[in-house]
Amino acid sequence: MLPAYLTVTFVAAAANGSAAIANLIGHDYPKSQADRLRLSHSWIRPLGMLLALGALGLMAGIVVPVLGTVAGVGLVLYFLGALFAHLRVRDRQLTAWAVYFCLSAAALAVNVAHHGAW
């Protein structure tokens, strides 16, 4: 179980970390997504910080399991909010959302399976 846990955690943390970096440096992709979802650009950096905290929390969860669980729950809730934002504007381009949501849900699942719930 340890190799699967580590692999899923590293991949999910890397994906969310790279998305966080894109948000924090002001890359064009998060801006275009914000425009499509009719969100103010002032939300891009705070959302990037949440992604960064989630990625760091997943990594910290390797040493302190409860942090990984909390980070996984937080990322799943983050992406459920993102789904709501897409559906609110009737945006059906959900491929990227599905990848990030599934990675975050998988990281949460393997964390709970490996360490137990709390």
PDB file of N, CA and C in Angstrom:
ATOM      1  N   MET A   1       0.815  -1.198   0.000  1.00  0.00           N
ATOM      2  CA  MET A   1       0.000   0.000   0.000  1.00  0.00           C
ATOM      3  C   MET A   1       0.863   1.268   0.000  1.00  0.00           C
ATOM      4  N   LEU A   2       2.030   1.205   0.621  1.00  0.00           N
ATOM      5  CA  LEU A   2       2.878   2.387   0.700  1.00  0.00           C
ATOM      6  C   LEU A   2       3.265   2.938  -0.678  1.00  0.00           C
ATOM      7  N   PRO A   3       3.663   2.099  -1.643  1.00  0.00           N
ATOM      8  CA  PRO A   3       4.016   2.679  -2.959  1.00  0.00           C
ATOM      9  C   PRO A   3       2.839   3.388  -3.638  1.00  0.00           C
ATOM     10  N   ALA A   4       1.653   2.813  -3.543  1.00  0.00           N
ATOM     11  CA  ALA A   4       0.477   3.450  -4.146  1.00  0.00           C
ATOM     12  C   ALA A   4       0.168   4.763  -3.438  1.00  0.00           C
ATOM     13  N   TYR A   5       0.225   4.754  -2.124  1.00  0.00           N
ATOM     14  CA  TYR A   5      -0.029   5.970  -1.338  1.00  0.00           C
ATOM     15  C   TYR A   5       0.941   7.078  -1.728  1.00  0.00           C
ATOM     16  N   LEU A   6       2.229   6.746  -1.765  1.00  0.00           N
ATOM     17  CA  LEU A   6       3.234   7.753  -2.095  1.00  0.00           C
ATOM     18  C   LEU A   6       3.082   8.259  -3.530  1.00  0.00           C
ATOM     19  N   THR A   7       2.839   7.350  -4.463  1.00  0.00           N
ATOM     20  CA  THR A   7       2.695   7.746  -5.866  1.00  0.00           C
ATOM     21  C   THR A   7       1.512   8.680  -6.059  1.00  0.00           C
ATOM     22  N   VAL A   8       0.353   8.292  -5.557  1.00  0.00           N
ATOM     23  CA  VAL A   8      -0.849   9.120  -5.726  1.00  0.00           C
ATOM     24  C   VAL A   8      -0.669  10.461  -5.021  1.00  0.00           C
ATOM     25  N   THR A   9      -0.097  10.441  -3.840  1.00  0.00           N
ATOM     26  CA  THR A   9       0.104  11.689  -3.091  1.00  0.00           C
ATOM     27  C   THR A   9       1.053  12.623  -3.836  1.00  0.00           C
ATOM     28  N   PHE A  10       2.172  12.101  -4.339  1.00  0.00           N
ATOM     29  CA  PHE A  10       3.121  12.942  -5.066  1.00  0.00           C
ATOM     30  C   PHE A  10       2.512  13.505  -6.349  1.00  0.00           C
ATOM     31  N   VAL A  11       1.778  12.686  -7.084  1.00  0.00           N
ATOM     32  CA  VAL A  11       1.175  13.157  -8.339  1.00  0.00           C
ATOM     33  C   VAL A  11       0.120  14.223  -8.053  1.00  0.00           C
ATOM     34  N   ALA A  12      -0.735  13.984  -7.062  1.00  0.00           N
ATOM     35  CA  ALA A  12      -1.774  14.970  -6.720  1.00  0.00           C
ATOM     36  C   ALA A  12      -1.147  16.266  -6.216  1.00  0.00           C
ATOM     37  N   ALA A  13      -0.117  16.153  -5.382  1.00  0.00           N
ATOM     38  CA  ALA A  13       0.551  17.352  -4.866  1.00  0.00           C
ATOM     39  C   ALA A  13       1.241  18.115  -6.003  1.00  0.00           C
ATOM     40  N   ALA A  14       1.866  17.414  -6.916  1.00  0.00           N
ATOM     41  CA  ALA A  14       2.538  18.071  -8.043  1.00  0.00           C
ATOM     42  C   ALA A  14       1.533  18.778  -8.946  1.00  0.00           C
ATOM     43  N   ALA A  15       0.420  18.116  -9.241  1.00  0.00           N
ATOM     44  CA  ALA A  15      -0.596  18.726 -10.106  1.00  0.00           C
ATOM     45  C   ALA A  15      -1.181  19.974  -9.454  1.00  0.00           C
ATOM     46  N   ASN A  16      -1.570  19.855  -8.190  1.00  0.00           N
ATOM     47  CA  ASN A  16      -2.157  21.009  -7.509  1.00  0.00           C
ATOM     48  C   ASN A  16      -1.121  22.098  -7.274  1.00  0.00           C
ATOM     49  N   GLY A  17       0.110  21.701  -7.023  1.00  0.00           N
ATOM     50  CA  GLY A  17       1.182  22.684  -6.860  1.00  0.00           C
ATOM     51  C   GLY A  17       1.452  23.452  -8.139  1.00  0.00           C
ATOM     52  N   SER A  18       1.430  22.766  -9.262  1.00  0.00           N
ATOM     53  CA  SER A  18       1.664  23.468 -10.530  1.00  0.00           C
ATOM     54  C   SER A  18       0.502  24.405 -10.865  1.00  0.00           C
ATOM     55  N   ALA A  19      -0.719  23.987 -10.540  1.00  0.00           N
ATOM     56  CA  ALA A  19      -1.870  24.876 -10.743  1.00  0.00           C
ATOM     57  C   ALA A  19      -1.768  26.089  -9.822  1.00  0.00           C
ATOM     58  N   ALA A  20      -1.295  25.865  -8.597  1.00  0.00           N
ATOM     59  CA  ALA A  20      -1.127  26.975  -7.658  1.00  0.00           C
ATOM     60  C   ALA A  20      -0.101  27.971  -8.193  1.00  0.00           C
ATOM     61  N   ILE A  21       1.009  27.468  -8.708  1.00  0.00           N
ATOM     62  CA  ILE A  21       2.044  28.345  -9.252  1.00  0.00           C
ATOM     63  C   ILE A  21       1.492  29.161 -10.409  1.00  0.00           C
ATOM     64  N   ALA A  22       0.726  28.515 -11.293  1.00  0.00           N
ATOM     65  CA  ALA A  22       0.129  29.234 -12.427  1.00  0.00           C
ATOM     66  C   ALA A  22      -0.764  30.371 -11.933  1.00  0.00           C
ATOM     67  N   ASN A  23      -1.538  30.105 -10.887  1.00  0.00           N
ATOM     68  CA  ASN A  23      -2.399  31.157 -10.330  1.00  0.00           C
ATOM     69  C   ASN A  23      -1.572  32.274  -9.702  1.00  0.00           C
ATOM     70  N   LEU A  24      -0.554  31.896  -8.959  1.00  0.00           N
ATOM     71  CA  LEU A  24       0.204  32.887  -8.195  1.00  0.00           C
ATOM     72  C   LEU A  24       1.098  33.767  -9.061  1.00  0.00           C
ATOM     73  N   ILE A  25       1.579  33.242 -10.191  1.00  0.00           N
ATOM     74  CA  ILE A  25       2.439  34.073 -11.050  1.00  0.00           C
ATOM     75  C   ILE A  25       1.646  34.853 -12.092  1.00  0.00           C
ATOM     76  N   GLY A  26       0.327  34.647 -12.132  1.00  0.00           N
ATOM     77  CA  GLY A  26      -0.499  35.396 -13.066  1.00  0.00           C
ATOM     78  C   GLY A  26      -0.471  34.861 -14.487  1.00  0.00           C
ATOM     79  N   HIS A  27      -0.340  33.553 -14.642  1.00  0.00           N
ATOM     80  CA  HIS A  27      -0.342  32.921 -15.960  1.00  0.00           C
ATOM     81  C   HIS A  27      -1.678  33.196 -16.656  1.00  0.00           C
ATOM     82  N   ASP A  28      -1.673  33.146 -17.976  1.00  0.00           N
ATOM     83  CA  ASP A  28      -2.879  33.450 -18.749  1.00  0.00           C
ATOM     84  C   ASP A  28      -3.988  32.417 -18.569  1.00  0.00           C
ATOM     85  N   TYR A  29      -3.659  31.144 -18.339  1.00  0.00           N
ATOM     86  CA  TYR A  29      -4.696  30.115 -18.234  1.00  0.00           C
ATOM     87  C   TYR A  29      -5.672  30.378 -17.078  1.00  0.00           C
ATOM     88  N   PRO A  30      -5.195  30.644 -15.866  1.00  0.00           N
ATOM     89  CA  PRO A  30      -6.168  30.948 -14.808  1.00  0.00           C
ATOM     90  C   PRO A  30      -6.997  32.201 -15.104  1.00  0.00           C
ATOM     91  N   LYS A  31      -6.398  33.163 -15.771  1.00  0.00           N
ATOM     92  CA  LYS A  31      -7.151  34.369 -16.132  1.00  0.00           C
ATOM     93  C   LYS A  31      -8.253  34.052 -17.128  1.00  0.00           C
ATOM     94  N   SER A  32      -7.947  33.229 -18.117  1.00  0.00           N
ATOM     95  CA  SER A  32      -8.971  32.872 -19.107  1.00  0.00           C
ATOM     96  C   SER A  32     -10.084  32.037 -18.467  1.00  0.00           C
ATOM     97  N   GLN A  33      -9.705  31.175 -17.516  1.00  0.00           N
ATOM     98  CA  GLN A  33     -10.716  30.398 -16.795  1.00  0.00           C
ATOM     99  C   GLN A  33     -11.604  31.321 -15.962  1.00  0.00           C
ATOM    100  N   ALA A  34     -11.000  32.282 -15.285  1.00  0.00           N
ATOM    101  CA  ALA A  34     -11.774  33.235 -14.483  1.00  0.00           C
ATOM    102  C   ALA A  34     -12.731  34.023 -15.368  1.00  0.00           C
ATOM    103  N   ASP A  35     -12.271  34.434 -16.536  1.00  0.00           N
ATOM    104  CA  ASP A  35     -13.141  35.159 -17.464  1.00  0.00           C
ATOM    105  C   ASP A  35     -14.301  34.274 -17.910  1.00  0.00           C
ATOM    106  N   ARG A  36     -14.003  33.023 -18.260  1.00  0.00           N
ATOM    107  CA  ARG A  36     -15.046  32.114 -18.728  1.00  0.00           C
ATOM    108  C   ARG A  36     -16.074  31.832 -17.630  1.00  0.00           C
ATOM    109  N   LEU A  37     -15.612  31.785 -16.376  1.00  0.00           N
ATOM    110  CA  LEU A  37     -16.506  31.486 -15.260  1.00  0.00           C
ATOM    111  C   LEU A  37     -17.087  32.745 -14.624  1.00  0.00           C
ATOM    112  N   ARG A  38     -16.768  33.881 -15.230  1.00  0.00           N
ATOM    113  CA  ARG A  38     -17.239  35.181 -14.743  1.00  0.00           C
ATOM    114  C   ARG A  38     -16.847  35.434 -13.290  1.00  0.00           C
ATOM    115  N   LEU A  39     -15.561  35.158 -12.994  1.00  0.00           N
ATOM    116  CA  LEU A  39     -14.999  35.439 -11.679  1.00  0.00           C
ATOM    117  C   LEU A  39     -14.051  36.619 -11.795  1.00  0.00           C
ATOM    118  N   SER A  40     -13.992  37.411 -10.759  1.00  0.00           N
ATOM    119  CA  SER A  40     -13.065  38.535 -10.732  1.00  0.00           C
ATOM    120  C   SER A  40     -11.631  38.021 -10.677  1.00  0.00           C
ATOM    121  N   HIS A  41     -10.742  38.718 -11.363  1.00  0.00           N
ATOM    122  CA  HIS A  41      -9.330  38.327 -11.337  1.00  0.00           C
ATOM    123  C   HIS A  41      -8.729  38.461  -9.933  1.00  0.00           C
ATOM    124  N   SER A  42      -9.400  39.197  -9.070  1.00  0.00           N
ATOM    125  CA  SER A  42      -8.895  39.334  -7.700  1.00  0.00           C
ATOM    126  C   SER A  42      -8.990  38.017  -6.928  1.00  0.00           C
ATOM    127  N   TRP A  43      -9.733  37.046  -7.427  1.00  0.00           N
ATOM    128  CA  TRP A  43      -9.858  35.735  -6.786  1.00  0.00           C
ATOM    129  C   TRP A  43      -8.741  34.784  -7.179  1.00  0.00           C
ATOM    130  N   ILE A  44      -7.999  35.095  -8.218  1.00  0.00           N
ATOM    131  CA  ILE A  44      -7.019  34.147  -8.750  1.00  0.00           C
ATOM    132  C   ILE A  44      -5.926  33.835  -7.729  1.00  0.00           C
ATOM    133  N   ARG A  45      -5.343  34.841  -7.125  1.00  0.00           N
ATOM    134  CA  ARG A  45      -4.252  34.578  -6.161  1.00  0.00           C
ATOM    135  C   ARG A  45      -4.747  33.879  -4.897  1.00  0.00           C
ATOM    136  N   PRO A  46      -5.863  34.295  -4.285  1.00  0.00           N
ATOM    137  CA  PRO A  46      -6.341  33.552  -3.106  1.00  0.00           C
ATOM    138  C   PRO A  46      -6.661  32.088  -3.430  1.00  0.00           C
ATOM    139  N   LEU A  47      -7.224  31.831  -4.599  1.00  0.00           N
ATOM    140  CA  LEU A  47      -7.497  30.443  -4.988  1.00  0.00           C
ATOM    141  C   LEU A  47      -6.192  29.685  -5.201  1.00  0.00           C
ATOM    142  N   GLY A  48      -5.189  30.369  -5.739  1.00  0.00           N
ATOM    143  CA  GLY A  48      -3.873  29.754  -5.889  1.00  0.00           C
ATOM    144  C   GLY A  48      -3.254  29.416  -4.539  1.00  0.00           C
ATOM    145  N   MET A  49      -3.472  30.268  -3.562  1.00  0.00           N
ATOM    146  CA  MET A  49      -2.957  29.986  -2.213  1.00  0.00           C
ATOM    147  C   MET A  49      -3.641  28.747  -1.624  1.00  0.00           C
ATOM    148  N   LEU A  50      -4.940  28.610  -1.854  1.00  0.00           N
ATOM    149  CA  LEU A  50      -5.638  27.415  -1.365  1.00  0.00           C
ATOM    150  C   LEU A  50      -5.082  26.153  -2.022  1.00  0.00           C
ATOM    151  N   LEU A  51      -4.832  26.225  -3.320  1.00  0.00           N
ATOM    152  CA  LEU A  51      -4.236  25.077  -4.005  1.00  0.00           C
ATOM    153  C   LEU A  51      -2.847  24.768  -3.453  1.00  0.00           C
ATOM    154  N   ALA A  52      -2.060  25.807  -3.218  1.00  0.00           N
ATOM    155  CA  ALA A  52      -0.711  25.602  -2.681  1.00  0.00           C
ATOM    156  C   ALA A  52      -0.767  24.978  -1.289  1.00  0.00           C
ATOM    157  N   LEU A  53      -1.670  25.465  -0.451  1.00  0.00           N
ATOM    158  CA  LEU A  53      -1.816  24.893   0.887  1.00  0.00           C
ATOM    159  C   LEU A  53      -2.264  23.436   0.816  1.00  0.00           C
ATOM    160  N   GLY A  54      -3.148  23.134  -0.129  1.00  0.00           N
ATOM    161  CA  GLY A  54      -3.579  21.745  -0.300  1.00  0.00           C
ATOM    162  C   GLY A  54      -2.434  20.849  -0.727  1.00  0.00           C
ATOM    163  N   ALA A  55      -1.635  21.311  -1.680  1.00  0.00           N
ATOM    164  CA  ALA A  55      -0.490  20.520  -2.153  1.00  0.00           C
ATOM    165  C   ALA A  55       0.519  20.314  -1.031  1.00  0.00           C
ATOM    166  N   LEU A  56       0.821  21.374  -0.298  1.00  0.00           N
ATOM    167  CA  LEU A  56       1.758  21.254   0.821  1.00  0.00           C
ATOM    168  C   LEU A  56       1.202  20.351   1.917  1.00  0.00           C
ATOM    169  N   GLY A  57      -0.095  20.447   2.152  1.00  0.00           N
ATOM    170  CA  GLY A  57      -0.728  19.601   3.154  1.00  0.00           C
ATOM    171  C   GLY A  57      -0.676  18.134   2.791  1.00  0.00           C
ATOM    172  N   LEU A  58      -0.852  17.825   1.507  1.00  0.00           N
ATOM    173  CA  LEU A  58      -0.740  16.425   1.080  1.00  0.00           C
ATOM    174  C   LEU A  58       0.653  15.901   1.356  1.00  0.00           C
ATOM    175  N   MET A  59       1.655  16.715   1.061  1.00  0.00           N
ATOM    176  CA  MET A  59       3.040  16.288   1.304  1.00  0.00           C
ATOM    177  C   MET A  59       3.320  16.172   2.802  1.00  0.00           C
ATOM    178  N   ALA A  60       2.830  17.113   3.577  1.00  0.00           N
ATOM    179  CA  ALA A  60       3.035  17.064   5.030  1.00  0.00           C
ATOM    180  C   ALA A  60       2.321  15.856   5.633  1.00  0.00           C
ATOM    181  N   GLY A  61       1.261  15.409   4.972  1.00  0.00           N
ATOM    182  CA  GLY A  61       0.510  14.257   5.454  1.00  0.00           C
ATOM    183  C   GLY A  61       1.302  12.966   5.459  1.00  0.00           C
ATOM    184  N   ILE A  62       2.394  12.934   4.732  1.00  0.00           N
ATOM    185  CA  ILE A  62       3.252  11.753   4.754  1.00  0.00           C
ATOM    186  C   ILE A  62       3.858  11.578   6.142  1.00  0.00           C
ATOM    187  N   VAL A  63       4.168  12.720   6.786  1.00  0.00           N
ATOM    188  CA  VAL A  63       4.769  12.695   8.119  1.00  0.00           C
ATOM    189  C   VAL A  63       3.704  12.823   9.208  1.00  0.00           C
ATOM    190  N   VAL A  64       2.726  13.712   8.995  1.00  0.00           N
ATOM    191  CA  VAL A  64       1.647  13.946   9.966  1.00  0.00           C
ATOM    192  C   VAL A  64       0.339  13.606   9.261  1.00  0.00           C
ATOM    193  N   PRO A  65      -0.137  12.363   9.405  1.00  0.00           N
ATOM    194  CA  PRO A  65      -1.272  11.879   8.623  1.00  0.00           C
ATOM    195  C   PRO A  65      -2.524  12.761   8.659  1.00  0.00           C
ATOM    196  N   VAL A  66      -2.820  13.368   9.791  1.00  0.00           N
ATOM    197  CA  VAL A  66      -4.029  14.179   9.866  1.00  0.00           C
ATOM    198  C   VAL A  66      -3.955  15.376   8.911  1.00  0.00           C
ATOM    199  N   LEU A  67      -2.757  15.908   8.680  1.00  0.00           N
ATOM    200  CA  LEU A  67      -2.615  17.024   7.731  1.00  0.00           C
ATOM    201  C   LEU A  67      -2.954  16.582   6.311  1.00  0.00           C
ATOM    202  N   GLY A  68      -2.555  15.374   5.949  1.00  0.00           N
ATOM    203  CA  GLY A  68      -2.890  14.854   4.631  1.00  0.00           C
ATOM    204  C   GLY A  68      -4.388  14.652   4.463  1.00  0.00           C
ATOM    205  N   THR A  69      -5.025  14.184   5.506  1.00  0.00           N
ATOM    206  CA  THR A  69      -6.474  13.985   5.450  1.00  0.00           C
ATOM    207  C   THR A  69      -7.193  15.323   5.318  1.00  0.00           C
ATOM    208  N   VAL A  70      -6.798  16.288   6.139  1.00  0.00           N
ATOM    209  CA  VAL A  70      -7.421  17.613   6.082  1.00  0.00           C
ATOM    210  C   VAL A  70      -7.177  18.264   4.722  1.00  0.00           C
ATOM    211  N   ALA A  71      -5.955  18.146   4.206  1.00  0.00           N
ATOM    212  CA  ALA A  71      -5.643  18.722   2.892  1.00  0.00           C
ATOM    213  C   ALA A  71      -6.462  18.048   1.800  1.00  0.00           C
ATOM    214  N   GLY A  72      -6.589  16.720   1.863  1.00  0.00           N
ATOM    215  CA  GLY A  72      -7.392  16.003   0.871  1.00  0.00           C
ATOM    216  C   GLY A  72      -8.848  16.432   0.898  1.00  0.00           C
ATOM    217  N   VAL A  73      -9.408  16.554   2.095  1.00  0.00           N
ATOM    218  CA  VAL A  73     -10.797  17.022   2.225  1.00  0.00           C
ATOM    219  C   VAL A  73     -10.915  18.439   1.673  1.00  0.00           C
ATOM    220  N   GLY A  74      -9.955  19.284   2.017  1.00  0.00           N
ATOM    221  CA  GLY A  74      -9.980  20.662   1.528  1.00  0.00           C
ATOM    222  C   GLY A  74      -9.923  20.749   0.017  1.00  0.00           C
ATOM    223  N   LEU A  75      -9.069  19.948  -0.600  1.00  0.00           N
ATOM    224  CA  LEU A  75      -8.973  19.966  -2.063  1.00  0.00           C
ATOM    225  C   LEU A  75     -10.236  19.423  -2.716  1.00  0.00           C
ATOM    226  N   VAL A  76     -10.812  18.382  -2.148  1.00  0.00           N
ATOM    227  CA  VAL A  76     -12.075  17.857  -2.695  1.00  0.00           C
ATOM    228  C   VAL A  76     -13.159  18.933  -2.609  1.00  0.00           C
ATOM    229  N   LEU A  77     -13.257  19.613  -1.489  1.00  0.00           N
ATOM    230  CA  LEU A  77     -14.248  20.690  -1.352  1.00  0.00           C
ATOM    231  C   LEU A  77     -13.946  21.843  -2.311  1.00  0.00           C
ATOM    232  N   TYR A  78     -12.672  22.162  -2.484  1.00  0.00           N
ATOM    233  CA  TYR A  78     -12.269  23.210  -3.429  1.00  0.00           C
ATOM    234  C   TYR A  78     -12.789  22.875  -4.828  1.00  0.00           C
ATOM    235  N   PHE A  79     -12.571  21.636  -5.249  1.00  0.00           N
ATOM    236  CA  PHE A  79     -12.976  21.273  -6.609  1.00  0.00           C
ATOM    237  C   PHE A  79     -14.479  21.066  -6.740  1.00  0.00           C
ATOM    238  N   LEU A  80     -15.169  20.756  -5.659  1.00  0.00           N
ATOM    239  CA  LEU A  80     -16.632  20.761  -5.717  1.00  0.00           C
ATOM    240  C   LEU A  80     -17.141  22.189  -5.908  1.00  0.00           C
ATOM    241  N   GLY A  81     -16.487  23.148  -5.245  1.00  0.00           N
ATOM    242  CA  GLY A  81     -16.813  24.555  -5.476  1.00  0.00           C
ATOM    243  C   GLY A  81     -16.524  24.970  -6.906  1.00  0.00           C
ATOM    244  N   ALA A  82     -15.418  24.471  -7.461  1.00  0.00           N
ATOM    245  CA  ALA A  82     -15.087  24.775  -8.856  1.00  0.00           C
ATOM    246  C   ALA A  82     -16.144  24.194  -9.797  1.00  0.00           C
ATOM    247  N   LEU A  83     -16.624  22.994  -9.483  1.00  0.00           N
ATOM    248  CA  LEU A  83     -17.695  22.405 -10.299  1.00  0.00           C
ATOM    249  C   LEU A  83     -18.931  23.299 -10.269  1.00  0.00           C
ATOM    250  N   PHE A  84     -19.285  23.773  -9.088  1.00  0.00           N
ATOM    251  CA  PHE A  84     -20.429  24.679  -8.976  1.00  0.00           C
ATOM    252  C   PHE A  84     -20.210  25.924  -9.826  1.00  0.00           C
ATOM    253  N   ALA A  85     -18.996  26.483  -9.816  1.00  0.00           N
ATOM    254  CA  ALA A  85     -18.694  27.676 -10.613  1.00  0.00           C
ATOM    255  C   ALA A  85     -18.872  27.392 -12.103  1.00  0.00           C
ATOM    256  N   HIS A  86     -18.439  26.204 -12.547  1.00  0.00           N
ATOM    257  CA  HIS A  86     -18.614  25.838 -13.961  1.00  0.00           C
ATOM    258  C   HIS A  86     -20.093  25.678 -14.306  1.00  0.00           C
ATOM    259  N   LEU A  87     -20.822  24.989 -13.459  1.00  0.00           N
ATOM    260  CA  LEU A  87     -22.239  24.739 -13.742  1.00  0.00           C
ATOM    261  C   LEU A  87     -23.070  26.017 -13.657  1.00  0.00           C
ATOM    262  N   ARG A  88     -22.647  26.944 -12.800  1.00  0.00           N
ATOM    263  CA  ARG A  88     -23.369  28.211 -12.638  1.00  0.00           C
ATOM    264  C   ARG A  88     -23.438  28.983 -13.952  1.00  0.00           C
ATOM    265  N   VAL A  89     -22.369  28.906 -14.745  1.00  0.00           N
ATOM    266  CA  VAL A  89     -22.342  29.628 -16.019  1.00  0.00           C
ATOM    267  C   VAL A  89     -22.604  28.690 -17.206  1.00  0.00           C
ATOM    268  N   ARG A  90     -23.059  27.484 -16.882  1.00  0.00           N
ATOM    269  CA  ARG A  90     -23.386  26.465 -17.887  1.00  0.00           C
ATOM    270  C   ARG A  90     -22.168  26.084 -18.746  1.00  0.00           C
ATOM    271  N   ASP A  91     -21.008  26.077 -18.123  1.00  0.00           N
ATOM    272  CA  ASP A  91     -19.784  25.671 -18.796  1.00  0.00           C
ATOM    273  C   ASP A  91     -19.648  24.156 -18.660  1.00  0.00           C
ATOM    274  N   ARG A  92     -19.616  23.465 -19.774  1.00  0.00           N
ATOM    275  CA  ARG A  92     -19.544  22.004 -19.756  1.00  0.00           C
ATOM    276  C   ARG A  92     -18.150  21.467 -20.081  1.00  0.00           C
ATOM    277  N   GLN A  93     -17.161  22.342 -20.142  1.00  0.00           N
ATOM    278  CA  GLN A  93     -15.786  21.905 -20.394  1.00  0.00           C
ATOM    279  C   GLN A  93     -15.157  21.531 -19.053  1.00  0.00           C
ATOM    280  N   LEU A  94     -15.365  20.277 -18.654  1.00  0.00           N
ATOM    281  CA  LEU A  94     -15.002  19.836 -17.314  1.00  0.00           C
ATOM    282  C   LEU A  94     -13.856  18.833 -17.286  1.00  0.00           C
ATOM    283  N   THR A  95     -13.152  18.678 -18.383  1.00  0.00           N
ATOM    284  CA  THR A  95     -12.080  17.679 -18.420  1.00  0.00           C
ATOM    285  C   THR A  95     -10.979  17.999 -17.412  1.00  0.00           C
ATOM    286  N   ALA A  96     -10.468  19.223 -17.436  1.00  0.00           N
ATOM    287  CA  ALA A  96      -9.407  19.602 -16.491  1.00  0.00           C
ATOM    288  C   ALA A  96      -9.927  19.499 -15.057  1.00  0.00           C
ATOM    289  N   TRP A  97     -11.156  19.963 -14.833  1.00  0.00           N
ATOM    290  CA  TRP A  97     -11.738  19.862 -13.492  1.00  0.00           C
ATOM    291  C   TRP A  97     -11.775  18.402 -13.041  1.00  0.00           C
ATOM    292  N   ALA A  98     -12.208  17.510 -13.915  1.00  0.00           N
ATOM    293  CA  ALA A  98     -12.329  16.096 -13.550  1.00  0.00           C
ATOM    294  C   ALA A  98     -10.984  15.490 -13.187  1.00  0.00           C
ATOM    295  N   VAL A  99      -9.944  15.861 -13.918  1.00  0.00           N
ATOM    296  CA  VAL A  99      -8.602  15.339 -13.621  1.00  0.00           C
ATOM    297  C   VAL A  99      -8.165  15.783 -12.232  1.00  0.00           C
ATOM    298  N   TYR A 100      -8.287  17.066 -11.944  1.00  0.00           N
ATOM    299  CA  TYR A 100      -7.860  17.581 -10.643  1.00  0.00           C
ATOM    300  C   TYR A 100      -8.735  17.049  -9.511  1.00  0.00           C
ATOM    301  N   PHE A 101     -10.025  16.965  -9.741  1.00  0.00           N
ATOM    302  CA  PHE A 101     -10.925  16.428  -8.711  1.00  0.00           C
ATOM    303  C   PHE A 101     -10.591  14.969  -8.416  1.00  0.00           C
ATOM    304  N   CYS A 102     -10.406  14.173  -9.462  1.00  0.00           N
ATOM    305  CA  CYS A 102     -10.104  12.748  -9.259  1.00  0.00           C
ATOM    306  C   CYS A 102      -8.754  12.549  -8.580  1.00  0.00           C
ATOM    307  N   LEU A 103      -7.760  13.349  -8.932  1.00  0.00           N
ATOM    308  CA  LEU A 103      -6.465  13.255  -8.256  1.00  0.00           C
ATOM    309  C   LEU A 103      -6.596  13.596  -6.773  1.00  0.00           C
ATOM    310  N   SER A 104      -7.350  14.645  -6.472  1.00  0.00           N
ATOM    311  CA  SER A 104      -7.526  15.050  -5.074  1.00  0.00           C
ATOM    312  C   SER A 104      -8.320  14.006  -4.296  1.00  0.00           C
ATOM    313  N   ALA A 105      -9.371  13.472  -4.910  1.00  0.00           N
ATOM    314  CA  ALA A 105     -10.174  12.433  -4.247  1.00  0.00           C
ATOM    315  C   ALA A 105      -9.354  11.162  -4.042  1.00  0.00           C
ATOM    316  N   ALA A 106      -8.529  10.827  -5.020  1.00  0.00           N
ATOM    317  CA  ALA A 106      -7.682   9.636  -4.895  1.00  0.00           C
ATOM    318  C   ALA A 106      -6.645   9.837  -3.790  1.00  0.00           C
ATOM    319  N   ALA A 107      -6.077  11.038  -3.695  1.00  0.00           N
ATOM    320  CA  ALA A 107      -5.103  11.317  -2.633  1.00  0.00           C
ATOM    321  C   ALA A 107      -5.761  11.193  -1.270  1.00  0.00           C
ATOM    322  N   LEU A 108      -6.974  11.693  -1.147  1.00  0.00           N
ATOM    323  CA  LEU A 108      -7.708  11.552   0.112  1.00  0.00           C
ATOM    324  C   LEU A 108      -7.981  10.085   0.407  1.00  0.00           C
ATOM    325  N   ALA A 109      -8.417   9.344  -0.592  1.00  0.00           N
ATOM    326  CA  ALA A 109      -8.764   7.942  -0.393  1.00  0.00           C
ATOM    327  C   ALA A 109      -7.550   7.101   0.030  1.00  0.00           C
ATOM    328  N   VAL A 110      -6.420   7.291  -0.644  1.00  0.00           N
ATOM    329  CA  VAL A 110      -5.247   6.495  -0.267  1.00  0.00           C
ATOM    330  C   VAL A 110      -4.689   6.928   1.090  1.00  0.00           C
ATOM    331  N   ASN A 111      -4.844   8.209   1.416  1.00  0.00           N
ATOM    332  CA  ASN A 111      -4.403   8.667   2.731  1.00  0.00           C
ATOM    333  C   ASN A 111      -5.215   7.985   3.818  1.00  0.00           C
ATOM    334  N   VAL A 112      -6.517   7.955   3.671  1.00  0.00           N
ATOM    335  CA  VAL A 112      -7.379   7.322   4.662  1.00  0.00           C
ATOM    336  C   VAL A 112      -7.141   5.816   4.686  1.00  0.00           C
ATOM    337  N   ALA A 113      -6.951   5.201   3.531  1.00  0.00           N
ATOM    338  CA  ALA A 113      -6.705   3.763   3.487  1.00  0.00           C
ATOM    339  C   ALA A 113      -5.370   3.409   4.130  1.00  0.00           C
ATOM    340  N   HIS A 114      -4.375   4.242   3.932  1.00  0.00           N
ATOM    341  CA  HIS A 114      -3.041   3.946   4.478  1.00  0.00           C
ATOM    342  C   HIS A 114      -2.931   4.251   5.968  1.00  0.00           C
ATOM    343  N   HIS A 115      -3.476   5.408   6.379  1.00  0.00           N
ATOM    344  CA  HIS A 115      -3.319   5.847   7.760  1.00  0.00           C
ATOM    345  C   HIS A 115      -4.548   5.607   8.632  1.00  0.00           C
ATOM    346  N   GLY A 116      -5.699   5.397   8.000  1.00  0.00           N
ATOM    347  CA  GLY A 116      -6.937   5.324   8.761  1.00  0.00           C
ATOM    348  C   GLY A 116      -7.526   6.721   8.874  1.00  0.00           C
ATOM    349  N   ALA A 117      -8.800   6.776   9.199  1.00  0.00           N
ATOM    350  CA  ALA A 117      -9.490   8.072   9.318  1.00  0.00           C
ATOM    351  C   ALA A 117      -9.211   8.644  10.694  1.00  0.00           C
ATOM    352  N   TRP A 118      -8.286   9.584  10.759  1.00  0.00           N
ATOM    353  CA  TRP A 118      -7.861  10.256  11.984  1.00  0.00           C
ATOM    354  C   TRP A 118      -7.107   9.266  12.792  1.00  0.00           C
TER     355      TRP A 118
END
